[in-house]
PDB file of N, CA and C in Angstrom:
ATOM      1  N   MET A   1     -36.445  40.835 -54.586  1.00  0.00           N
ATOM      2  CA  MET A   1     -36.261  42.138 -53.959  1.00  0.00           C
ATOM      3  C   MET A   1     -35.594  43.091 -54.953  1.00  0.00           C
ATOM      4  N   ASN A   2     -36.116  44.283 -55.077  1.00  0.00           N
ATOM      5  CA  ASN A   2     -35.553  45.280 -55.984  1.00  0.00           C
ATOM      6  C   ASN A   2     -34.391  46.007 -55.324  1.00  0.00           C
ATOM      7  N   GLU A   3     -33.380  46.288 -56.122  1.00  0.00           N
ATOM      8  CA  GLU A   3     -32.242  47.047 -55.609  1.00  0.00           C
ATOM      9  C   GLU A   3     -32.549  48.533 -55.655  1.00  0.00           C
ATOM     10  N   LEU A   4     -32.067  49.252 -54.661  1.00  0.00           N
ATOM     11  CA  LEU A   4     -32.225  50.700 -54.636  1.00  0.00           C
ATOM     12  C   LEU A   4     -31.277  51.326 -55.645  1.00  0.00           C
ATOM     13  N   THR A   5     -31.729  52.398 -56.275  1.00  0.00           N
ATOM     14  CA  THR A   5     -30.923  53.128 -57.246  1.00  0.00           C
ATOM     15  C   THR A   5     -30.432  54.415 -56.605  1.00  0.00           C
ATOM     16  N   GLU A   6     -29.136  54.630 -56.662  1.00  0.00           N
ATOM     17  CA  GLU A   6     -28.536  55.840 -56.094  1.00  0.00           C
ATOM     18  C   GLU A   6     -28.517  56.931 -57.159  1.00  0.00           C
ATOM     19  N   THR A   7     -28.971  58.113 -56.794  1.00  0.00           N
ATOM     20  CA  THR A   7     -28.954  59.237 -57.729  1.00  0.00           C
ATOM     21  C   THR A   7     -28.662  60.522 -56.959  1.00  0.00           C
ATOM     22  N   ILE A   8     -28.219  61.525 -57.683  1.00  0.00           N
ATOM     23  CA  ILE A   8     -27.931  62.822 -57.072  1.00  0.00           C
ATOM     24  C   ILE A   8     -28.963  63.825 -57.572  1.00  0.00           C
ATOM     25  N   ILE A   9     -29.565  64.530 -56.633  1.00  0.00           N
ATOM     26  CA  ILE A   9     -30.555  65.556 -56.977  1.00  0.00           C
ATOM     27  C   ILE A   9     -30.052  66.905 -56.480  1.00  0.00           C
ATOM     28  N   GLU A  10     -30.651  67.961 -57.012  1.00  0.00           N
ATOM     29  CA  GLU A  10     -30.345  69.316 -56.548  1.00  0.00           C
ATOM     30  C   GLU A  10     -31.591  69.876 -55.882  1.00  0.00           C
ATOM     31  N   CYS A  11     -31.454  70.330 -54.657  1.00  0.00           N
ATOM     32  CA  CYS A  11     -32.587  70.885 -53.918  1.00  0.00           C
ATOM     33  C   CYS A  11     -33.136  72.107 -54.656  1.00  0.00           C
ATOM     34  N   PRO A  12     -34.453  72.152 -54.892  1.00  0.00           N
ATOM     35  CA  PRO A  12     -35.038  73.306 -55.578  1.00  0.00           C
ATOM     36  C   PRO A  12     -35.053  74.573 -54.724  1.00  0.00           C
ATOM     37  N   TYR A  13     -34.753  74.459 -53.446  1.00  0.00           N
ATOM     38  CA  TYR A  13     -34.730  75.618 -52.547  1.00  0.00           C
ATOM     39  C   TYR A  13     -33.322  76.180 -52.382  1.00  0.00           C
ATOM     40  N   CYS A  14     -32.411  75.341 -51.871  1.00  0.00           N
ATOM     41  CA  CYS A  14     -31.077  75.841 -51.521  1.00  0.00           C
ATOM     42  C   CYS A  14     -30.026  75.541 -52.587  1.00  0.00           C
ATOM     43  N   GLY A  15     -30.351  74.693 -53.562  1.00  0.00           N
ATOM     44  CA  GLY A  15     -29.426  74.400 -54.649  1.00  0.00           C
ATOM     45  C   GLY A  15     -28.339  73.391 -54.314  1.00  0.00           C
ATOM     46  N   GLU A  16     -28.322  72.897 -53.092  1.00  0.00           N
ATOM     47  CA  GLU A  16     -27.307  71.915 -52.699  1.00  0.00           C
ATOM     48  C   GLU A  16     -27.598  70.560 -53.341  1.00  0.00           C
ATOM     49  N   SER A  17     -26.536  69.861 -53.703  1.00  0.00           N
ATOM     50  CA  SER A  17     -26.669  68.508 -54.231  1.00  0.00           C
ATOM     51  C   SER A  17     -26.803  67.533 -53.076  1.00  0.00           C
ATOM     52  N   ALA A  18     -27.611  66.515 -53.280  1.00  0.00           N
ATOM     53  CA  ALA A  18     -27.801  65.491 -52.253  1.00  0.00           C
ATOM     54  C   ALA A  18     -27.921  64.135 -52.927  1.00  0.00           C
ATOM     55  N   GLU A  19     -27.326  63.152 -52.315  1.00  0.00           N
ATOM     56  CA  GLU A  19     -27.404  61.785 -52.799  1.00  0.00           C
ATOM     57  C   GLU A  19     -28.640  61.134 -52.178  1.00  0.00           C
ATOM     58  N   VAL A  20     -29.488  60.549 -53.011  1.00  0.00           N
ATOM     59  CA  VAL A  20     -30.698  59.899 -52.516  1.00  0.00           C
ATOM     60  C   VAL A  20     -30.793  58.490 -53.091  1.00  0.00           C
ATOM     61  N   LEU A  21     -31.487  57.632 -52.384  1.00  0.00           N
ATOM     62  CA  LEU A  21     -31.736  56.271 -52.843  1.00  0.00           C
ATOM     63  C   LEU A  21     -33.181  56.179 -53.305  1.00  0.00           C
ATOM     64  N   ILE A  22     -33.369  55.645 -54.505  1.00  0.00           N
ATOM     65  CA  ILE A  22     -34.698  55.522 -55.088  1.00  0.00           C
ATOM     66  C   ILE A  22     -35.060  54.044 -55.167  1.00  0.00           C
ATOM     67  N   ASN A  23     -36.221  53.712 -54.679  1.00  0.00           N
ATOM     68  CA  ASN A  23     -36.727  52.351 -54.745  1.00  0.00           C
ATOM     69  C   ASN A  23     -37.467  52.188 -56.071  1.00  0.00           C
ATOM     70  N   PRO A  24     -37.115  51.194 -56.888  1.00  0.00           N
ATOM     71  CA  PRO A  24     -37.822  50.991 -58.162  1.00  0.00           C
ATOM     72  C   PRO A  24     -39.329  50.800 -57.987  1.00  0.00           C
ATOM     73  N   GLU A  25     -39.752  50.360 -56.821  1.00  0.00           N
ATOM     74  CA  GLU A  25     -41.184  50.207 -56.558  1.00  0.00           C
ATOM     75  C   GLU A  25     -41.898  51.556 -56.474  1.00  0.00           C
ATOM     76  N   ASP A  26     -41.134  52.649 -56.363  1.00  0.00           N
ATOM     77  CA  ASP A  26     -41.713  53.991 -56.318  1.00  0.00           C
ATOM     78  C   ASP A  26     -41.981  54.563 -57.711  1.00  0.00           C
ATOM     79  N   ALA A  27     -41.651  53.809 -58.763  1.00  0.00           N
ATOM     80  CA  ALA A  27     -41.846  54.298 -60.132  1.00  0.00           C
ATOM     81  C   ALA A  27     -43.313  54.650 -60.352  1.00  0.00           C
ATOM     82  N   GLN A  28     -43.531  55.717 -61.103  1.00  0.00           N
ATOM     83  CA  GLN A  28     -44.856  56.234 -61.429  1.00  0.00           C
ATOM     84  C   GLN A  28     -45.555  56.795 -60.188  1.00  0.00           C
ATOM     85  N   GLN A  29     -44.781  57.225 -59.209  1.00  0.00           N
ATOM     86  CA  GLN A  29     -45.348  57.798 -57.998  1.00  0.00           C
ATOM     87  C   GLN A  29     -44.638  59.098 -57.655  1.00  0.00           C
ATOM     88  N   SER A  30     -45.244  59.834 -56.759  1.00  0.00           N
ATOM     89  CA  SER A  30     -44.580  61.011 -56.205  1.00  0.00           C
ATOM     90  C   SER A  30     -44.639  60.911 -54.686  1.00  0.00           C
ATOM     91  N   TYR A  31     -43.653  61.497 -54.044  1.00  0.00           N
ATOM     92  CA  TYR A  31     -43.610  61.515 -52.588  1.00  0.00           C
ATOM     93  C   TYR A  31     -42.800  62.714 -52.140  1.00  0.00           C
ATOM     94  N   ILE A  32     -42.861  63.029 -50.857  1.00  0.00           N
ATOM     95  CA  ILE A  32     -42.186  64.208 -50.313  1.00  0.00           C
ATOM     96  C   ILE A  32     -41.161  63.778 -49.276  1.00  0.00           C
ATOM     97  N   GLU A  33     -39.957  64.348 -49.393  1.00  0.00           N
ATOM     98  CA  GLU A  33     -38.893  64.169 -48.400  1.00  0.00           C
ATOM     99  C   GLU A  33     -38.298  65.536 -48.125  1.00  0.00           C
ATOM    100  N   ASP A  34     -37.849  65.743 -46.915  1.00  0.00           N
ATOM    101  CA  ASP A  34     -37.193  67.003 -46.574  1.00  0.00           C
ATOM    102  C   ASP A  34     -35.763  67.015 -47.092  1.00  0.00           C
ATOM    103  N   CYS A  35     -35.299  68.189 -47.515  1.00  0.00           N
ATOM    104  CA  CYS A  35     -33.914  68.379 -47.948  1.00  0.00           C
ATOM    105  C   CYS A  35     -32.990  68.059 -46.773  1.00  0.00           C
ATOM    106  N   GLN A  36     -31.901  67.361 -47.056  1.00  0.00           N
ATOM    107  CA  GLN A  36     -30.934  66.999 -46.024  1.00  0.00           C
ATOM    108  C   GLN A  36     -30.150  68.209 -45.529  1.00  0.00           C
ATOM    109  N   VAL A  37     -30.172  69.312 -46.287  1.00  0.00           N
ATOM    110  CA  VAL A  37     -29.401  70.503 -45.927  1.00  0.00           C
ATOM    111  C   VAL A  37     -30.295  71.580 -45.306  1.00  0.00           C
ATOM    112  N   CYS A  38     -31.345  72.002 -46.035  1.00  0.00           N
ATOM    113  CA  CYS A  38     -32.171  73.120 -45.561  1.00  0.00           C
ATOM    114  C   CYS A  38     -33.485  72.683 -44.914  1.00  0.00           C
ATOM    115  N   CYS A  39     -33.787  71.399 -44.949  1.00  0.00           N
ATOM    116  CA  CYS A  39     -34.967  70.809 -44.292  1.00  0.00           C
ATOM    117  C   CYS A  39     -36.308  71.207 -44.905  1.00  0.00           C
ATOM    118  N   LYS A  40     -36.319  71.828 -46.078  1.00  0.00           N
ATOM    119  CA  LYS A  40     -37.583  72.174 -46.724  1.00  0.00           C
ATOM    120  C   LYS A  40     -38.098  70.959 -47.502  1.00  0.00           C
ATOM    121  N   PRO A  41     -39.429  70.866 -47.685  1.00  0.00           N
ATOM    122  CA  PRO A  41     -40.011  69.685 -48.332  1.00  0.00           C
ATOM    123  C   PRO A  41     -39.797  69.677 -49.850  1.00  0.00           C
ATOM    124  N   ILE A  42     -39.249  68.587 -50.341  1.00  0.00           N
ATOM    125  CA  ILE A  42     -39.018  68.405 -51.777  1.00  0.00           C
ATOM    126  C   ILE A  42     -39.987  67.341 -52.275  1.00  0.00           C
ATOM    127  N   THR A  43     -40.682  67.638 -53.377  1.00  0.00           N
ATOM    128  CA  THR A  43     -41.540  66.646 -54.011  1.00  0.00           C
ATOM    129  C   THR A  43     -40.705  65.879 -55.030  1.00  0.00           C
ATOM    130  N   PHE A  44     -40.658  64.570 -54.877  1.00  0.00           N
ATOM    131  CA  PHE A  44     -39.951  63.684 -55.800  1.00  0.00           C
ATOM    132  C   PHE A  44     -40.974  63.018 -56.706  1.00  0.00           C
ATOM    133  N   VAL A  45     -40.721  63.043 -58.017  1.00  0.00           N
ATOM    134  CA  VAL A  45     -41.569  62.342 -58.972  1.00  0.00           C
ATOM    135  C   VAL A  45     -40.676  61.330 -59.681  1.00  0.00           C
ATOM    136  N   VAL A  46     -40.992  60.054 -59.491  1.00  0.00           N
ATOM    137  CA  VAL A  46     -40.177  58.973 -60.045  1.00  0.00           C
ATOM    138  C   VAL A  46     -40.924  58.360 -61.218  1.00  0.00           C
ATOM    139  N   THR A  47     -40.244  58.266 -62.360  1.00  0.00           N
ATOM    140  CA  THR A  47     -40.836  57.640 -63.536  1.00  0.00           C
ATOM    141  C   THR A  47     -39.888  56.567 -64.055  1.00  0.00           C
ATOM    142  N   GLU A  48     -40.467  55.615 -64.765  1.00  0.00           N
ATOM    143  CA  GLU A  48     -39.683  54.523 -65.328  1.00  0.00           C
ATOM    144  C   GLU A  48     -39.866  54.511 -66.838  1.00  0.00           C
ATOM    145  N   ALA A  49     -38.755  54.510 -67.571  1.00  0.00           N
ATOM    146  CA  ALA A  49     -38.800  54.453 -69.028  1.00  0.00           C
ATOM    147  C   ALA A  49     -39.135  53.027 -69.471  1.00  0.00           C
ATOM    148  N   ASN A  50     -39.463  52.875 -70.741  1.00  0.00           N
ATOM    149  CA  ASN A  50     -39.793  51.554 -71.278  1.00  0.00           C
ATOM    150  C   ASN A  50     -38.656  50.557 -71.109  1.00  0.00           C
ATOM    151  N   ASN A  51     -37.417  51.054 -71.100  1.00  0.00           N
ATOM    152  CA  ASN A  51     -36.263  50.160 -70.955  1.00  0.00           C
ATOM    153  C   ASN A  51     -35.950  49.850 -69.490  1.00  0.00           C
ATOM    154  N   GLY A  52     -36.745  50.382 -68.560  1.00  0.00           N
ATOM    155  CA  GLY A  52     -36.561  50.099 -67.143  1.00  0.00           C
ATOM    156  C   GLY A  52     -35.739  51.120 -66.386  1.00  0.00           C
ATOM    157  N   ASP A  53     -35.150  52.095 -67.092  1.00  0.00           N
ATOM    158  CA  ASP A  53     -34.372  53.132 -66.412  1.00  0.00           C
ATOM    159  C   ASP A  53     -35.298  54.043 -65.608  1.00  0.00           C
ATOM    160  N   LEU A  54     -34.855  54.398 -64.411  1.00  0.00           N
ATOM    161  CA  LEU A  54     -35.619  55.306 -63.562  1.00  0.00           C
ATOM    162  C   LEU A  54     -35.131  56.732 -63.745  1.00  0.00           C
ATOM    163  N   SER A  55     -36.050  57.679 -63.695  1.00  0.00           N
ATOM    164  CA  SER A  55     -35.661  59.086 -63.673  1.00  0.00           C
ATOM    165  C   SER A  55     -36.403  59.754 -62.519  1.00  0.00           C
ATOM    166  N   VAL A  56     -35.748  60.760 -61.954  1.00  0.00           N
ATOM    167  CA  VAL A  56     -36.297  61.453 -60.793  1.00  0.00           C
ATOM    168  C   VAL A  56     -36.324  62.942 -61.090  1.00  0.00           C
ATOM    169  N   ALA A  57     -37.468  63.554 -60.894  1.00  0.00           N
ATOM    170  CA  ALA A  57     -37.597  65.006 -60.999  1.00  0.00           C
ATOM    171  C   ALA A  57     -37.946  65.520 -59.610  1.00  0.00           C
ATOM    172  N   VAL A  58     -37.407  66.679 -59.260  1.00  0.00           N
ATOM    173  CA  VAL A  58     -37.680  67.259 -57.941  1.00  0.00           C
ATOM    174  C   VAL A  58     -38.294  68.642 -58.103  1.00  0.00           C
ATOM    175  N   TYR A  59     -39.215  68.958 -57.202  1.00  0.00           N
ATOM    176  CA  TYR A  59     -39.942  70.215 -57.265  1.00  0.00           C
ATOM    177  C   TYR A  59     -40.096  70.790 -55.863  1.00  0.00           C
ATOM    178  N   SER A  60     -40.220  72.118 -55.793  1.00  0.00           N
ATOM    179  CA  SER A  60     -40.537  72.764 -54.517  1.00  0.00           C
ATOM    180  C   SER A  60     -42.040  72.659 -54.289  1.00  0.00           C
ATOM    181  N   GLU A  61     -42.476  73.052 -53.115  1.00  0.00           N
ATOM    182  CA  GLU A  61     -43.903  73.025 -52.771  1.00  0.00           C
ATOM    183  C   GLU A  61     -44.751  73.816 -53.757  1.00  0.00           C
ATOM    184  N   ASN A  62     -44.222  74.932 -54.237  1.00  0.00           N
ATOM    185  CA  ASN A  62     -45.000  75.840 -55.073  1.00  0.00           C
ATOM    186  C   ASN A  62     -44.900  75.551 -56.561  1.00  0.00           C
ATOM    187  N   ASP A  63     -44.006  74.644 -56.958  1.00  0.00           N
ATOM    188  CA  ASP A  63     -43.879  74.280 -58.369  1.00  0.00           C
ATOM    189  C   ASP A  63     -45.039  73.380 -58.772  1.00  0.00           C
ATOM    190  N   THR A  64     -45.399  73.453 -60.045  1.00  0.00           N
ATOM    191  CA  THR A  64     -46.387  72.522 -60.580  1.00  0.00           C
ATOM    192  C   THR A  64     -45.660  71.514 -61.442  1.00  0.00           C
ATOM    193  N   TYR A  65     -46.188  70.315 -61.500  1.00  0.00           N
ATOM    194  CA  TYR A  65     -45.551  69.264 -62.309  1.00  0.00           C
ATOM    195  C   TYR A  65     -46.579  68.429 -63.005  1.00  0.00           C
TER     196      TYR A  65
END
């Protein structure tokens, strides 16, 4: 079983910081979750580096990635 990775993101809409849990199985995928503060949809893009570290980028609906 993979452990969840805790990370802090900044909402692309309201700018508030939020703590999120990232599943390593989500690496190389994107998904949408609503902001915990303003409830707008955030696109999460999870990537995994060669050394296994996860990185998360967040985008608004209208951003391209």
